[in-house]
N, C-alpha and C. Protein backbone atom coordinates (compact mmCIF):
# COMPACT_ATOMS: atom_id res chain seq x y z
N MET A 1 -34.99 18.19 -100.80
CA MET A 1 -34.95 19.62 -100.60
C MET A 1 -35.34 19.97 -99.17
N PHE A 2 -36.42 19.29 -98.71
CA PHE A 2 -36.85 19.56 -97.36
C PHE A 2 -35.81 19.08 -96.34
N THR A 3 -35.16 17.96 -96.63
CA THR A 3 -34.13 17.44 -95.71
C THR A 3 -32.92 18.37 -95.68
N ARG A 4 -32.62 18.99 -96.82
CA ARG A 4 -31.49 19.93 -96.84
C ARG A 4 -31.81 21.16 -95.98
N GLN A 5 -33.01 21.70 -96.05
CA GLN A 5 -33.39 22.85 -95.23
C GLN A 5 -33.41 22.48 -93.74
N LEU A 6 -33.89 21.27 -93.47
CA LEU A 6 -33.90 20.80 -92.09
C LEU A 6 -32.48 20.64 -91.57
N PHE A 7 -31.58 20.12 -92.41
CA PHE A 7 -30.18 19.97 -92.02
C PHE A 7 -29.53 21.33 -91.78
N LEU A 8 -29.76 22.32 -92.63
CA LEU A 8 -29.20 23.67 -92.45
C LEU A 8 -29.75 24.33 -91.19
N ALA A 9 -31.03 24.16 -90.93
CA ALA A 9 -31.62 24.76 -89.73
C ALA A 9 -31.05 24.11 -88.48
N ALA A 10 -30.90 22.79 -88.50
CA ALA A 10 -30.36 22.10 -87.33
C ALA A 10 -28.90 22.47 -87.10
N SER A 11 -28.11 22.55 -88.17
CA SER A 11 -26.69 22.92 -88.01
C SER A 11 -26.57 24.39 -87.57
N GLY A 12 -27.43 25.28 -88.07
CA GLY A 12 -27.41 26.67 -87.62
C GLY A 12 -27.77 26.78 -86.15
N LEU A 13 -28.78 26.03 -85.73
CA LEU A 13 -29.17 26.03 -84.32
C LEU A 13 -28.04 25.47 -83.45
N ALA A 14 -27.36 24.45 -83.89
CA ALA A 14 -26.25 23.87 -83.12
C ALA A 14 -25.09 24.87 -83.04
N MET A 15 -24.82 25.59 -84.15
CA MET A 15 -23.74 26.56 -84.15
C MET A 15 -24.05 27.73 -83.20
N ILE A 16 -25.26 28.22 -83.21
CA ILE A 16 -25.65 29.32 -82.32
C ILE A 16 -25.57 28.86 -80.87
N THR A 17 -26.02 27.66 -80.60
CA THR A 17 -25.96 27.12 -79.24
C THR A 17 -24.52 26.97 -78.77
N SER A 18 -23.65 26.49 -79.63
CA SER A 18 -22.25 26.30 -79.24
C SER A 18 -21.55 27.64 -79.03
N LEU A 19 -21.89 28.66 -79.81
CA LEU A 19 -21.27 29.97 -79.62
C LEU A 19 -21.70 30.62 -78.31
N THR A 20 -22.94 30.45 -77.94
CA THR A 20 -23.36 31.00 -76.65
C THR A 20 -22.71 30.24 -75.51
N GLY A 21 -22.43 28.99 -75.71
CA GLY A 21 -21.73 28.20 -74.70
C GLY A 21 -20.31 28.71 -74.49
N CYS A 22 -19.66 29.21 -75.54
CA CYS A 22 -18.31 29.76 -75.41
C CYS A 22 -18.32 30.98 -74.50
N PHE A 23 -19.32 31.83 -74.65
CA PHE A 23 -19.40 33.01 -73.80
C PHE A 23 -19.62 32.60 -72.35
N THR A 24 -20.49 31.64 -72.13
CA THR A 24 -20.77 31.17 -70.78
C THR A 24 -19.53 30.54 -70.17
N MET A 25 -18.80 29.76 -70.93
CA MET A 25 -17.59 29.12 -70.43
C MET A 25 -16.51 30.15 -70.13
N ALA A 26 -16.39 31.18 -70.96
CA ALA A 26 -15.39 32.22 -70.70
C ALA A 26 -15.71 32.95 -69.41
N ASP A 27 -16.98 33.24 -69.19
CA ASP A 27 -17.39 33.91 -67.95
C ASP A 27 -17.13 33.01 -66.75
N MET A 28 -17.40 31.73 -66.89
CA MET A 28 -17.18 30.80 -65.80
C MET A 28 -15.68 30.64 -65.53
N TRP A 29 -14.86 30.66 -66.54
CA TRP A 29 -13.42 30.51 -66.39
C TRP A 29 -12.83 31.69 -65.62
N GLU A 30 -13.33 32.90 -65.85
CA GLU A 30 -12.81 34.08 -65.18
C GLU A 30 -13.34 34.22 -63.75
N ASN A 31 -14.54 33.75 -63.47
CA ASN A 31 -15.16 33.89 -62.15
C ASN A 31 -15.50 32.52 -61.58
N THR A 32 -14.48 31.74 -61.30
CA THR A 32 -14.74 30.38 -60.82
C THR A 32 -15.40 30.37 -59.45
N GLU A 33 -15.19 31.42 -58.64
CA GLU A 33 -15.76 31.45 -57.30
C GLU A 33 -17.29 31.44 -57.34
N ASP A 34 -17.87 31.97 -58.43
CA ASP A 34 -19.32 32.03 -58.55
C ASP A 34 -19.94 30.68 -58.94
N TYR A 35 -19.15 29.80 -59.56
CA TYR A 35 -19.71 28.57 -60.10
C TYR A 35 -19.23 27.30 -59.40
N VAL A 36 -18.06 27.37 -58.76
CA VAL A 36 -17.49 26.18 -58.14
C VAL A 36 -17.70 26.28 -56.62
N PRO A 37 -18.14 25.22 -55.99
CA PRO A 37 -18.31 25.26 -54.52
C PRO A 37 -16.98 25.54 -53.83
N TYR A 38 -17.07 26.13 -52.64
CA TYR A 38 -15.88 26.56 -51.91
C TYR A 38 -14.92 25.40 -51.64
N PHE A 39 -15.45 24.23 -51.27
CA PHE A 39 -14.59 23.11 -50.89
C PHE A 39 -13.86 22.50 -52.10
N LEU A 40 -14.27 22.83 -53.32
CA LEU A 40 -13.58 22.35 -54.50
C LEU A 40 -12.59 23.35 -55.08
N GLN A 41 -12.57 24.56 -54.56
CA GLN A 41 -11.66 25.58 -55.06
C GLN A 41 -10.26 25.35 -54.51
N PRO A 42 -9.23 25.72 -55.26
CA PRO A 42 -7.87 25.54 -54.74
C PRO A 42 -7.59 26.52 -53.61
N TYR A 43 -6.65 26.14 -52.74
CA TYR A 43 -6.27 27.00 -51.63
C TYR A 43 -5.45 28.17 -52.15
N ARG A 44 -5.80 29.35 -51.70
CA ARG A 44 -5.04 30.55 -52.04
C ARG A 44 -4.58 31.18 -50.73
N ALA A 45 -3.28 31.28 -50.57
CA ALA A 45 -2.72 31.83 -49.33
C ALA A 45 -2.91 33.33 -49.28
N ASP A 46 -2.96 33.88 -48.07
CA ASP A 46 -3.00 35.32 -47.88
C ASP A 46 -1.64 35.90 -48.27
N VAL A 47 -1.66 37.07 -48.88
CA VAL A 47 -0.43 37.74 -49.31
C VAL A 47 -0.27 39.00 -48.47
N HIS A 48 0.83 39.05 -47.71
CA HIS A 48 1.16 40.21 -46.89
C HIS A 48 2.41 40.85 -47.50
N GLN A 49 2.34 42.12 -47.83
CA GLN A 49 3.48 42.81 -48.40
C GLN A 49 3.61 44.19 -47.78
N GLY A 50 4.83 44.63 -47.63
CA GLY A 50 5.08 45.99 -47.16
C GLY A 50 5.43 46.05 -45.70
N ASN A 51 5.24 47.22 -45.12
CA ASN A 51 5.60 47.50 -43.74
C ASN A 51 4.36 47.41 -42.86
N LEU A 52 4.42 46.55 -41.86
CA LEU A 52 3.32 46.46 -40.91
C LEU A 52 3.54 47.55 -39.86
N VAL A 53 2.70 48.57 -39.88
CA VAL A 53 2.78 49.68 -38.95
C VAL A 53 1.53 49.65 -38.09
N THR A 54 1.72 49.75 -36.78
CA THR A 54 0.59 49.74 -35.85
C THR A 54 0.32 51.15 -35.34
N SER A 55 -0.80 51.32 -34.70
CA SER A 55 -1.15 52.64 -34.17
C SER A 55 -0.21 53.06 -33.05
N GLU A 56 0.35 52.09 -32.31
CA GLU A 56 1.33 52.43 -31.28
C GLU A 56 2.59 53.03 -31.89
N MET A 57 2.99 52.51 -33.03
CA MET A 57 4.17 53.05 -33.72
C MET A 57 3.92 54.48 -34.19
N VAL A 58 2.73 54.72 -34.72
CA VAL A 58 2.40 56.07 -35.20
C VAL A 58 2.38 57.05 -34.04
N LEU A 59 1.90 56.61 -32.87
CA LEU A 59 1.87 57.49 -31.70
C LEU A 59 3.27 57.85 -31.21
N GLN A 60 4.26 57.01 -31.49
CA GLN A 60 5.62 57.29 -31.06
C GLN A 60 6.34 58.27 -31.99
N LEU A 61 5.77 58.50 -33.17
CA LEU A 61 6.37 59.48 -34.07
C LEU A 61 6.26 60.87 -33.45
N GLU A 62 7.34 61.63 -33.55
CA GLU A 62 7.34 62.99 -33.03
C GLU A 62 7.96 63.92 -34.06
N ARG A 63 7.49 65.12 -34.04
CA ARG A 63 8.05 66.13 -34.92
C ARG A 63 9.47 66.44 -34.47
N GLY A 64 10.40 66.51 -35.41
CA GLY A 64 11.80 66.79 -35.09
C GLY A 64 12.67 65.55 -35.00
N MET A 65 12.09 64.34 -35.13
CA MET A 65 12.89 63.13 -35.11
C MET A 65 13.77 63.07 -36.36
N THR A 66 14.95 62.48 -36.23
CA THR A 66 15.82 62.34 -37.39
C THR A 66 15.34 61.17 -38.25
N ASP A 67 15.85 61.09 -39.47
CA ASP A 67 15.45 59.99 -40.34
C ASP A 67 15.95 58.65 -39.80
N ALA A 68 17.09 58.65 -39.10
CA ALA A 68 17.57 57.41 -38.50
C ALA A 68 16.64 56.94 -37.38
N GLN A 69 16.12 57.87 -36.60
CA GLN A 69 15.18 57.50 -35.54
C GLN A 69 13.88 56.96 -36.12
N VAL A 70 13.42 57.57 -37.20
CA VAL A 70 12.19 57.08 -37.85
C VAL A 70 12.42 55.68 -38.41
N GLN A 71 13.58 55.47 -39.01
CA GLN A 71 13.88 54.15 -39.56
C GLN A 71 14.00 53.11 -38.45
N PHE A 72 14.55 53.49 -37.30
CA PHE A 72 14.62 52.57 -36.17
C PHE A 72 13.22 52.22 -35.66
N LEU A 73 12.35 53.20 -35.63
CA LEU A 73 10.99 53.01 -35.12
C LEU A 73 10.11 52.22 -36.08
N LEU A 74 10.12 52.59 -37.36
CA LEU A 74 9.18 52.03 -38.33
C LEU A 74 9.79 51.02 -39.29
N GLY A 75 11.10 50.98 -39.38
CA GLY A 75 11.76 50.11 -40.34
C GLY A 75 12.07 50.86 -41.62
N VAL A 76 12.66 50.14 -42.56
CA VAL A 76 13.01 50.73 -43.85
C VAL A 76 11.73 50.98 -44.63
N PRO A 77 11.55 52.19 -45.17
CA PRO A 77 10.30 52.47 -45.90
C PRO A 77 10.20 51.65 -47.17
N LEU A 78 8.98 51.31 -47.52
CA LEU A 78 8.75 50.54 -48.75
C LEU A 78 9.07 51.38 -49.97
N ILE A 79 8.72 52.66 -49.93
CA ILE A 79 8.96 53.54 -51.07
C ILE A 79 9.80 54.72 -50.62
N ARG A 80 10.99 54.82 -51.20
CA ARG A 80 11.87 55.96 -50.98
C ARG A 80 12.14 56.52 -52.37
N ASP A 81 11.34 57.47 -52.77
CA ASP A 81 11.34 57.98 -54.14
C ASP A 81 12.48 58.98 -54.35
N GLN A 82 13.19 58.84 -55.47
CA GLN A 82 14.28 59.75 -55.80
C GLN A 82 13.78 61.15 -56.15
N PHE A 83 12.55 61.25 -56.59
CA PHE A 83 12.00 62.54 -56.97
C PHE A 83 11.38 63.28 -55.79
N HIS A 84 11.10 62.56 -54.71
CA HIS A 84 10.55 63.16 -53.49
C HIS A 84 11.43 62.69 -52.33
N ILE A 85 12.62 63.27 -52.22
CA ILE A 85 13.58 62.76 -51.24
C ILE A 85 13.19 63.09 -49.80
N ASN A 86 12.28 64.01 -49.62
CA ASN A 86 11.83 64.38 -48.27
C ASN A 86 10.54 63.67 -47.89
N GLN A 87 10.27 62.54 -48.50
CA GLN A 87 9.03 61.81 -48.24
C GLN A 87 9.32 60.32 -48.20
N TRP A 88 8.89 59.66 -47.14
CA TRP A 88 8.98 58.21 -47.02
C TRP A 88 7.58 57.65 -46.94
N ASP A 89 7.33 56.59 -47.69
CA ASP A 89 6.01 55.95 -47.70
C ASP A 89 6.11 54.55 -47.13
N TYR A 90 5.31 54.30 -46.11
CA TYR A 90 5.18 52.97 -45.52
C TYR A 90 3.82 52.43 -45.94
N VAL A 91 3.83 51.42 -46.78
CA VAL A 91 2.59 50.86 -47.34
C VAL A 91 2.47 49.41 -46.89
N TYR A 92 1.28 49.02 -46.46
CA TYR A 92 1.01 47.63 -46.10
C TYR A 92 -0.15 47.15 -46.95
N TYR A 93 0.07 46.03 -47.64
CA TYR A 93 -0.92 45.46 -48.55
C TYR A 93 -1.23 44.05 -48.08
N LEU A 94 -2.50 43.76 -47.92
CA LEU A 94 -2.95 42.42 -47.52
C LEU A 94 -4.02 41.97 -48.49
N ARG A 95 -3.75 40.87 -49.19
CA ARG A 95 -4.76 40.27 -50.06
C ARG A 95 -5.09 38.89 -49.53
N ARG A 96 -6.33 38.74 -49.13
CA ARG A 96 -6.77 37.46 -48.61
C ARG A 96 -6.93 36.45 -49.75
N GLY A 97 -6.98 35.19 -49.40
CA GLY A 97 -7.15 34.15 -50.39
C GLY A 97 -8.47 34.23 -51.13
N ASP A 98 -9.47 34.85 -50.51
CA ASP A 98 -10.78 34.98 -51.16
C ASP A 98 -10.88 36.23 -52.03
N GLY A 99 -9.79 37.01 -52.13
CA GLY A 99 -9.78 38.19 -52.99
C GLY A 99 -9.98 39.50 -52.27
N ASP A 100 -10.30 39.48 -50.97
CA ASP A 100 -10.47 40.70 -50.20
C ASP A 100 -9.12 41.41 -50.07
N VAL A 101 -9.09 42.73 -50.32
CA VAL A 101 -7.83 43.49 -50.30
C VAL A 101 -7.92 44.61 -49.27
N GLN A 102 -6.85 44.75 -48.48
CA GLN A 102 -6.72 45.85 -47.53
C GLN A 102 -5.42 46.58 -47.85
N LEU A 103 -5.47 47.90 -47.80
CA LEU A 103 -4.30 48.72 -48.09
C LEU A 103 -4.23 49.84 -47.06
N ARG A 104 -3.09 49.92 -46.35
CA ARG A 104 -2.89 50.98 -45.37
C ARG A 104 -1.60 51.71 -45.70
N ARG A 105 -1.61 53.02 -45.47
CA ARG A 105 -0.47 53.85 -45.88
C ARG A 105 -0.14 54.88 -44.82
N LEU A 106 1.16 55.04 -44.55
CA LEU A 106 1.69 56.07 -43.68
C LEU A 106 2.77 56.80 -44.48
N THR A 107 2.66 58.12 -44.57
CA THR A 107 3.64 58.93 -45.29
C THR A 107 4.26 59.90 -44.31
N VAL A 108 5.60 59.86 -44.22
CA VAL A 108 6.36 60.74 -43.32
C VAL A 108 7.08 61.76 -44.18
N PHE A 109 6.92 63.04 -43.83
CA PHE A 109 7.56 64.13 -44.57
C PHE A 109 8.67 64.73 -43.72
N PHE A 110 9.83 64.97 -44.34
CA PHE A 110 10.98 65.54 -43.66
C PHE A 110 11.23 66.94 -44.18
N ASN A 111 11.90 67.77 -43.34
CA ASN A 111 12.30 69.09 -43.79
C ASN A 111 13.72 68.99 -44.40
N GLU A 112 14.33 70.12 -44.70
CA GLU A 112 15.64 70.13 -45.36
C GLU A 112 16.74 69.59 -44.46
N GLU A 113 16.53 69.62 -43.15
CA GLU A 113 17.53 69.13 -42.19
C GLU A 113 17.36 67.65 -41.89
N ARG A 114 16.50 66.96 -42.64
CA ARG A 114 16.20 65.53 -42.48
C ARG A 114 15.58 65.23 -41.12
N ARG A 115 14.72 66.14 -40.68
CA ARG A 115 13.95 65.96 -39.45
C ARG A 115 12.47 65.87 -39.81
N VAL A 116 11.70 65.13 -39.03
CA VAL A 116 10.28 64.93 -39.31
C VAL A 116 9.56 66.27 -39.23
N ASP A 117 8.87 66.60 -40.31
CA ASP A 117 8.07 67.82 -40.34
C ASP A 117 6.61 67.50 -40.01
N HIS A 118 6.04 66.53 -40.71
CA HIS A 118 4.67 66.07 -40.43
C HIS A 118 4.48 64.71 -41.09
N TRP A 119 3.33 64.09 -40.85
CA TRP A 119 3.02 62.81 -41.45
C TRP A 119 1.52 62.68 -41.62
N THR A 120 1.14 61.83 -42.57
CA THR A 120 -0.27 61.49 -42.80
C THR A 120 -0.40 59.98 -42.68
N SER A 121 -1.54 59.54 -42.17
CA SER A 121 -1.69 58.12 -41.91
C SER A 121 -3.14 57.70 -42.09
N ASP A 122 -3.33 56.50 -42.62
CA ASP A 122 -4.63 55.86 -42.59
C ASP A 122 -4.85 55.32 -41.18
N ALA A 123 -6.04 54.85 -40.91
CA ALA A 123 -6.31 54.21 -39.62
C ALA A 123 -5.48 52.93 -39.55
N MET A 124 -4.77 52.76 -38.45
CA MET A 124 -3.90 51.60 -38.28
C MET A 124 -4.44 50.72 -37.15
N PRO A 125 -4.24 49.41 -37.26
CA PRO A 125 -4.67 48.52 -36.17
C PRO A 125 -3.69 48.61 -35.01
N ASP A 126 -4.17 48.28 -33.81
CA ASP A 126 -3.23 48.18 -32.70
C ASP A 126 -2.50 46.85 -32.82
N GLU A 127 -1.56 46.58 -31.91
CA GLU A 127 -0.72 45.38 -32.04
C GLU A 127 -1.53 44.10 -31.97
N GLU A 128 -2.51 44.05 -31.09
CA GLU A 128 -3.33 42.85 -30.95
C GLU A 128 -4.13 42.60 -32.23
N GLN A 129 -4.72 43.64 -32.78
CA GLN A 129 -5.50 43.49 -34.01
C GLN A 129 -4.60 43.11 -35.18
N ALA A 130 -3.39 43.67 -35.24
CA ALA A 130 -2.47 43.32 -36.32
C ALA A 130 -2.10 41.84 -36.26
N ASP A 131 -1.86 41.33 -35.05
CA ASP A 131 -1.56 39.90 -34.91
C ASP A 131 -2.74 39.05 -35.37
N GLN A 132 -3.94 39.44 -34.99
CA GLN A 132 -5.13 38.66 -35.37
C GLN A 132 -5.39 38.73 -36.88
N LEU A 133 -5.07 39.88 -37.50
CA LEU A 133 -5.21 39.99 -38.96
C LEU A 133 -4.24 39.06 -39.67
N ILE A 134 -3.02 39.00 -39.19
CA ILE A 134 -2.01 38.13 -39.82
C ILE A 134 -2.41 36.67 -39.67
N LEU A 135 -2.89 36.31 -38.50
CA LEU A 135 -3.30 34.92 -38.26
C LEU A 135 -4.58 34.55 -39.00
N GLY A 136 -5.34 35.55 -39.43
CA GLY A 136 -6.59 35.29 -40.14
C GLY A 136 -7.76 35.08 -39.21
N ASN A 137 -7.61 35.42 -37.93
CA ASN A 137 -8.72 35.25 -36.98
C ASN A 137 -9.79 36.31 -37.12
N ILE A 138 -9.42 37.49 -37.62
CA ILE A 138 -10.40 38.54 -37.87
C ILE A 138 -10.25 39.00 -39.31
N ARG A 139 -11.33 39.49 -39.89
CA ARG A 139 -11.32 39.90 -41.30
C ARG A 139 -10.88 41.35 -41.45
N THR A 140 -11.28 42.20 -40.52
CA THR A 140 -10.94 43.61 -40.57
C THR A 140 -10.80 44.12 -39.15
N PHE A 141 -10.33 45.32 -38.99
CA PHE A 141 -10.14 45.85 -37.65
C PHE A 141 -10.97 47.11 -37.50
N ASP A 142 -11.31 47.41 -36.27
CA ASP A 142 -12.00 48.66 -35.99
C ASP A 142 -10.97 49.62 -35.39
N ALA A 143 -10.94 50.82 -35.92
CA ALA A 143 -9.96 51.80 -35.47
C ALA A 143 -10.31 52.20 -34.04
N ARG A 144 -9.38 51.93 -33.16
CA ARG A 144 -9.57 52.30 -31.76
C ARG A 144 -8.24 52.82 -31.24
N PRO A 145 -8.29 53.65 -30.21
CA PRO A 145 -7.03 54.17 -29.68
C PRO A 145 -6.19 53.04 -29.11
N PRO A 146 -4.89 53.10 -29.29
CA PRO A 146 -4.04 52.01 -28.78
C PRO A 146 -4.00 51.99 -27.26
N LYS A 147 -3.71 50.82 -26.75
CA LYS A 147 -3.60 50.68 -25.30
C LYS A 147 -2.29 51.31 -24.86
N GLN A 148 -2.36 52.15 -23.84
CA GLN A 148 -1.17 52.77 -23.31
C GLN A 148 -1.01 52.36 -21.87
N GLU A 149 0.23 52.05 -21.50
CA GLU A 149 0.49 51.68 -20.12
C GLU A 149 0.43 52.93 -19.26
N PRO A 150 -0.22 52.84 -18.12
CA PRO A 150 -0.29 54.03 -17.26
C PRO A 150 1.09 54.34 -16.70
N ALA A 151 1.37 55.64 -16.56
CA ALA A 151 2.64 56.07 -15.99
C ALA A 151 2.66 55.73 -14.50
N PRO A 152 3.82 55.36 -13.97
CA PRO A 152 3.88 55.04 -12.54
C PRO A 152 3.59 56.28 -11.70
N LEU A 153 2.90 56.06 -10.60
CA LEU A 153 2.55 57.16 -9.72
C LEU A 153 3.77 57.58 -8.91
N VAL A 154 4.06 58.87 -8.90
CA VAL A 154 5.18 59.41 -8.15
C VAL A 154 4.62 60.50 -7.26
N GLU A 155 4.92 60.42 -5.97
CA GLU A 155 4.46 61.45 -5.06
C GLU A 155 5.29 62.70 -5.27
N PRO A 156 4.67 63.89 -5.28
CA PRO A 156 5.41 65.09 -5.60
C PRO A 156 6.48 65.44 -4.58
N ASN A 157 6.29 65.12 -3.30
CA ASN A 157 7.26 65.49 -2.26
C ASN A 157 8.09 64.31 -1.80
N ALA A 158 8.11 63.25 -2.56
CA ALA A 158 8.85 62.06 -2.15
C ALA A 158 10.34 62.28 -2.36
N GLU A 159 11.12 61.86 -1.35
CA GLU A 159 12.57 61.96 -1.45
C GLU A 159 13.12 60.64 -1.94
N PRO A 160 14.19 60.67 -2.73
CA PRO A 160 14.74 59.40 -3.21
C PRO A 160 15.32 58.59 -2.05
N LYS A 161 15.14 57.29 -2.11
CA LYS A 161 15.64 56.41 -1.07
C LYS A 161 17.11 56.12 -1.32
N ASN A 162 17.88 56.07 -0.22
CA ASN A 162 19.29 55.72 -0.34
C ASN A 162 19.42 54.22 -0.42
N GLU A 163 20.19 53.77 -1.36
CA GLU A 163 20.41 52.33 -1.52
C GLU A 163 21.45 51.88 -0.50
N PRO A 164 21.24 50.73 0.15
CA PRO A 164 22.23 50.24 1.10
C PRO A 164 23.56 49.91 0.41
N ALA A 165 23.53 49.48 -0.83
CA ALA A 165 24.77 49.13 -1.54
C ALA A 165 25.61 50.38 -1.77
N ALA A 166 24.96 51.53 -1.99
CA ALA A 166 25.69 52.77 -2.22
C ALA A 166 26.35 53.23 -0.93
N GLU A 167 25.71 53.02 0.23
CA GLU A 167 26.29 53.40 1.50
C GLU A 167 27.49 52.55 1.83
N SER A 168 27.42 51.25 1.55
CA SER A 168 28.55 50.37 1.86
C SER A 168 29.72 50.63 0.94
N ALA A 169 29.46 51.11 -0.27
CA ALA A 169 30.55 51.40 -1.19
C ALA A 169 31.32 52.62 -0.75
N GLU A 170 30.65 53.57 -0.05
CA GLU A 170 31.32 54.78 0.40
C GLU A 170 32.23 54.50 1.57
N LYS A 171 31.95 53.51 2.40
CA LYS A 171 32.72 53.23 3.61
C LYS A 171 34.01 52.57 3.34
C-alpha cells in the first residue's frame, strides 16, 4: 500500500515536471535569440522592400509637377490605390536579420489635373546614409539636411564671352 502511494506520488511529480518543461520548451522555441548564443544562430539576411527615397529626392519635389515627372524622380509608387487615385504612397521597409524594423513613408497627393498638390514625408536619410544603411555599416540614421552643391558664382555685370569657334563659323 505504501509502495503504491509512493509510486503515485512519484509519477504525479514526474508528470507535473514534464508539463512545466513543455511550457519552457515552447517559450524557448519561439524566442531562440534569448537562449541560443549569437554564433550558433542561423544567418538571417536583411530584407529591403519598397522604394528607397532619400531626402535629396524629397527636396526636388515641387508643387505643380505632373505625375510623370514625379514617377521619373521617385520611381513607380509601391501603392497606387484604386480608391484613392489622387494619392501615391512610397514605402520603404527594412528588416534587419536581428529583427530590427525600420519603416519610412512618403505620400504624394495630386489635384484633379494630375499635378502635385502637397506631400507628407517621414524623415528620410541622405544618399550617403542610405548607402550605409543598405550595406549594414550603420544601424539607423540621424535626420540631417541633405548636402547641396553651391550654385556657381556669377558676377552681376559680367558680359558673356564670345567663343572663338563661333567667330570662325561666321567668316
